C-alpha atoms as a PDB file:
ATOM      1  CA  MET A   1     223.726  -0.532  69.274  1.00  0.00           C
ATOM      2  CA  GLU A   2     222.968  -2.326  65.780  1.00  0.00           C
ATOM      3  CA  GLU A   3     219.637  -4.575  65.870  1.00  0.00           C
ATOM      4  CA  ARG A   4     219.170  -7.622  64.397  1.00  0.00           C
ATOM      5  CA  LYS A   5     221.301  -6.777  61.637  1.00  0.00           C
ATOM      6  CA  TYR A   6     222.203 -10.558  60.706  1.00  0.00           C
ATOM      7  CA  LEU A   7     219.175 -12.510  62.129  1.00  0.00           C
ATOM      8  CA  THR A   8     217.855 -12.977  58.110  1.00  0.00           C
ATOM      9  CA  THR A   9     220.992 -14.316  56.962  1.00  0.00           C
ATOM     10  CA  TRP A  10     221.278 -16.019  59.778  1.00  0.00           C
ATOM     11  CA  ARG A  11     217.754 -17.742  58.626  1.00  0.00           C
ATOM     12  CA  LYS A  12     218.892 -18.701  55.454  1.00  0.00           C
ATOM     13  CA  TYR A  13     221.621 -20.693  57.278  1.00  0.00           C
ATOM     14  CA  ILE A  14     219.732 -22.509  59.466  1.00  0.00           C
ATOM     15  CA  PRO A  15     218.741 -25.683  57.414  1.00  0.00           C
ATOM     16  CA  VAL A  16     222.599 -26.176  56.973  1.00  0.00           C
ATOM     17  CA  ILE A  17     223.774 -25.620  60.261  1.00  0.00           C
ATOM     18  CA  ARG A  18     221.022 -27.930  61.566  1.00  0.00           C
ATOM     19  CA  LEU A  19     222.475 -30.337  59.378  1.00  0.00           C
ATOM     20  CA  HIS A  20     225.789 -29.817  60.342  1.00  0.00           C
ATOM     21  CA  LEU A  21     224.974 -29.634  64.119  1.00  0.00           C
ATOM     22  CA  LYS A  22     223.157 -33.272  63.913  1.00  0.00           C
ATOM     23  CA  ARG A  23     226.305 -34.354  61.968  1.00  0.00           C
ATOM     24  CA  SER A  24     228.867 -32.616  64.968  1.00  0.00           C
ATOM     25  CA  LEU A  25     227.319 -35.364  67.598  1.00  0.00           C
ATOM     26  CA  ASN A  26     229.516 -38.060  65.357  1.00  0.00           C
ATOM     27  CA  GLU A  27     232.442 -35.600  64.331  1.00  0.00           C
ATOM     28  CA  ASP A  28     233.557 -32.527  64.238  1.00  0.00           C
ATOM     29  CA  GLN A  29     231.592 -30.552  61.654  1.00  0.00           C
ATOM     30  CA  SER A  30     232.520 -26.870  59.135  1.00  0.00           C
ATOM     31  CA  PHE A  31     231.577 -25.489  56.359  1.00  0.00           C
ATOM     32  CA  LYS A  32     232.306 -22.232  54.576  1.00  0.00           C
ATOM     33  CA  LEU A  33     229.900 -19.295  54.616  1.00  0.00           C
ATOM     34  CA  ASN A  34     229.305 -16.539  52.032  1.00  0.00           C
ATOM     35  CA  ILE A  35     230.649 -13.840  53.125  1.00  0.00           C
ATOM     36  CA  THR A  36     228.995 -11.339  50.791  1.00  0.00           C
ATOM     37  CA  ASP A  37     225.386 -12.486  52.502  1.00  0.00           C
ATOM     38  CA  PHE A  38     226.629 -10.910  55.719  1.00  0.00           C
ATOM     39  CA  GLU A  39     228.360  -7.627  54.247  1.00  0.00           C
ATOM     40  CA  SER A  40     225.600  -7.193  52.534  1.00  0.00           C
ATOM     41  CA  ALA A  41     223.647  -6.804  56.061  1.00  0.00           C
ATOM     42  CA  GLY A  42     226.208  -5.051  57.594  1.00  0.00           C
ATOM     43  CA  ASP A  43     230.154  -4.156  57.587  1.00  0.00           C
ATOM     44  CA  ARG A  44     232.009  -4.804  60.486  1.00  0.00           C
ATOM     45  CA  GLY A  45     234.996  -3.424  58.004  1.00  0.00           C
ATOM     46  CA  LYS A  46     238.625  -4.665  60.680  1.00  0.00           C
ATOM     47  CA  SER A  47     236.774  -6.033  62.912  1.00  0.00           C
ATOM     48  CA  GLY A  48     235.144  -8.805  60.697  1.00  0.00           C
ATOM     49  CA  TYR A  49     232.970 -11.650  61.246  1.00  0.00           C
ATOM     50  CA  THR A  50     235.080 -13.726  63.795  1.00  0.00           C
ATOM     51  CA  PHE A  51     233.243 -14.912  67.006  1.00  0.00           C
ATOM     52  CA  SER A  52     232.948 -18.473  69.492  1.00  0.00           C
ATOM     53  CA  LEU A  53     229.456 -19.241  70.983  1.00  0.00           C
ATOM     54  CA  ALA A  54     229.879 -21.557  73.521  1.00  0.00           C
ATOM     55  CA  ILE A  55     226.094 -23.014  74.499  1.00  0.00           C
ATOM     56  CA  GLU A  56     225.431 -25.316  77.176  1.00  0.00           C
ATOM     57  CA  ASN A  57     222.229 -27.092  77.701  1.00  0.00           C
ATOM     58  CA  GLY A  58     220.769 -24.404  75.139  1.00  0.00           C
ATOM     59  CA  LYS A  59     222.090 -21.395  77.313  1.00  0.00           C
ATOM     60  CA  VAL A  60     224.921 -19.308  75.633  1.00  0.00           C
ATOM     61  CA  THR A  61     227.729 -19.672  78.465  1.00  0.00           C
ATOM     62  CA  ASN A  62     230.308 -17.010  76.929  1.00  0.00           C
ATOM     63  CA  ASN A  63     229.845 -13.252  76.248  1.00  0.00           C
ATOM     64  CA  ILE A  64     228.785 -12.798  73.185  1.00  0.00           C
ATOM     65  CA  SER A  65     227.426  -8.587  73.860  1.00  0.00           C
ATOM     66  CA  GLY A  66     229.766  -7.401  71.196  1.00  0.00           C
ATOM     67  CA  SER A  67     229.004  -9.423  68.577  1.00  0.00           C
ATOM     68  CA  ALA A  68     225.695  -8.822  66.916  1.00  0.00           C
ATOM     69  CA  VAL A  69     226.988 -11.558  64.454  1.00  0.00           C
ATOM     70  CA  ALA A  70     227.633 -13.909  67.124  1.00  0.00           C
ATOM     71  CA  ARG A  71     224.189 -12.813  69.192  1.00  0.00           C
ATOM     72  CA  ASP A  72     221.785 -12.827  65.931  1.00  0.00           C
ATOM     73  CA  LEU A  73     222.876 -16.692  65.393  1.00  0.00           C
ATOM     74  CA  TYR A  74     221.769 -17.503  68.450  1.00  0.00           C
ATOM     75  CA  GLU A  75     218.560 -15.627  68.442  1.00  0.00           C
ATOM     76  CA  ALA A  76     218.232 -17.737  65.265  1.00  0.00           C
ATOM     77  CA  LEU A  77     219.246 -21.209  67.099  1.00  0.00           C
ATOM     78  CA  LYS A  78     216.923 -20.408  69.548  1.00  0.00           C
ATOM     79  CA  ALA A  79     213.916 -19.890  66.978  1.00  0.00           C
ATOM     80  CA  ASP A  80     214.256 -23.402  65.444  1.00  0.00           C
ATOM     81  CA  ASP A  81     212.681 -26.216  67.629  1.00  0.00           C
ATOM     82  CA  ALA A  82     214.499 -28.910  65.745  1.00  0.00           C
ATOM     83  CA  ILE A  83     217.798 -27.390  66.640  1.00  0.00           C
ATOM     84  CA  ASN A  84     216.820 -26.076  70.166  1.00  0.00           C
ATOM     85  CA  GLU A  85     215.904 -30.434  70.715  1.00  0.00           C
ATOM     86  CA  MET A  86     219.903 -30.672  69.433  1.00  0.00           C
ATOM     87  CA  MET A  87     221.147 -28.418  72.195  1.00  0.00           C
ATOM     88  CA  ARG A  88     219.444 -30.317  74.828  1.00  0.00           C
ATOM     89  CA  ASP A  89     221.953 -32.001  77.286  1.00  0.00           C
ATOM     90  CA  LYS A  90     224.775 -30.841  74.922  1.00  0.00           C
ATOM     91  CA  ASN A  91     227.968 -28.343  75.251  1.00  0.00           C
ATOM     92  CA  ILE A  92     228.307 -26.812  71.664  1.00  0.00           C
ATOM     93  CA  LYS A  93     230.750 -24.274  70.330  1.00  0.00           C
ATOM     94  CA  ILE A  94     230.000 -22.474  67.411  1.00  0.00           C
ATOM     95  CA  SER A  95     232.780 -20.333  65.596  1.00  0.00           C
ATOM     96  CA  VAL A  96     233.674 -18.463  62.523  1.00  0.00           C
ATOM     97  CA  GLY A  97     237.061 -17.628  61.877  1.00  0.00           C
ATOM     98  CA  LYS A  98     238.315 -14.948  59.786  1.00  0.00           C
ATOM     99  CA  SER A  99     238.542 -17.597  56.574  1.00  0.00           C
ATOM    100  CA  PHE A 100     234.997 -17.194  57.226  1.00  0.00           C
ATOM    101  CA  VAL A 101     233.989 -20.600  58.456  1.00  0.00           C
ATOM    102  CA  LEU A 102     231.776 -21.875  60.707  1.00  0.00           C
ATOM    103  CA  SER A 103     233.022 -24.214  63.074  1.00  0.00           C
ATOM    104  CA  ILE A 104     230.712 -26.874  65.026  1.00  0.00           C
ATOM    105  CA  LYS A 105     231.788 -28.808  68.258  1.00  0.00           C
ATOM    106  CA  THR A 106     229.555 -30.898  70.135  1.00  0.00           C
ATOM    107  CA  THR A 107     229.801 -32.917  73.341  1.00  0.00           C
ATOM    108  CA  HIS A 108     227.210 -34.266  75.357  1.00  0.00           C
ATOM    109  CA  ILE A 109     227.013 -33.095  78.971  1.00  0.00           C
ATOM    110  CA  SER A 110     227.757 -35.663  81.368  1.00  0.00           C
ATOM    111  CA  ALA A 111     225.482 -36.771  83.951  1.00  0.00           C
ATOM    112  CA  PHE A 112     227.972 -36.917  86.717  1.00  0.00           C
ATOM    113  CA  LYS A 113     228.251 -33.526  87.841  1.00  0.00           C
END
């Protein structure tokens, strides 16, 4: 199993992700990632770098065990205090598609459960 290959790469993106995460409270956000950053960290070949990461109240709610890219992103997010604070009481969906665009959608968790 690959160990934390993409963590350093994601850490470089944390300031940008933090900004987009904050903005995603008002409208969905997306920005293009630099594919060479990820290819130099590890070759995903045909499987690519696509993933979907669902976070509710700071905890992952979908299975990302098969995606080192998604696991390492979550590690990098958890390590950032400001992002941890933003993840509280929210549903956040982060995804990367084939075009290498990272998308962030955020909704508040309803108090009426």
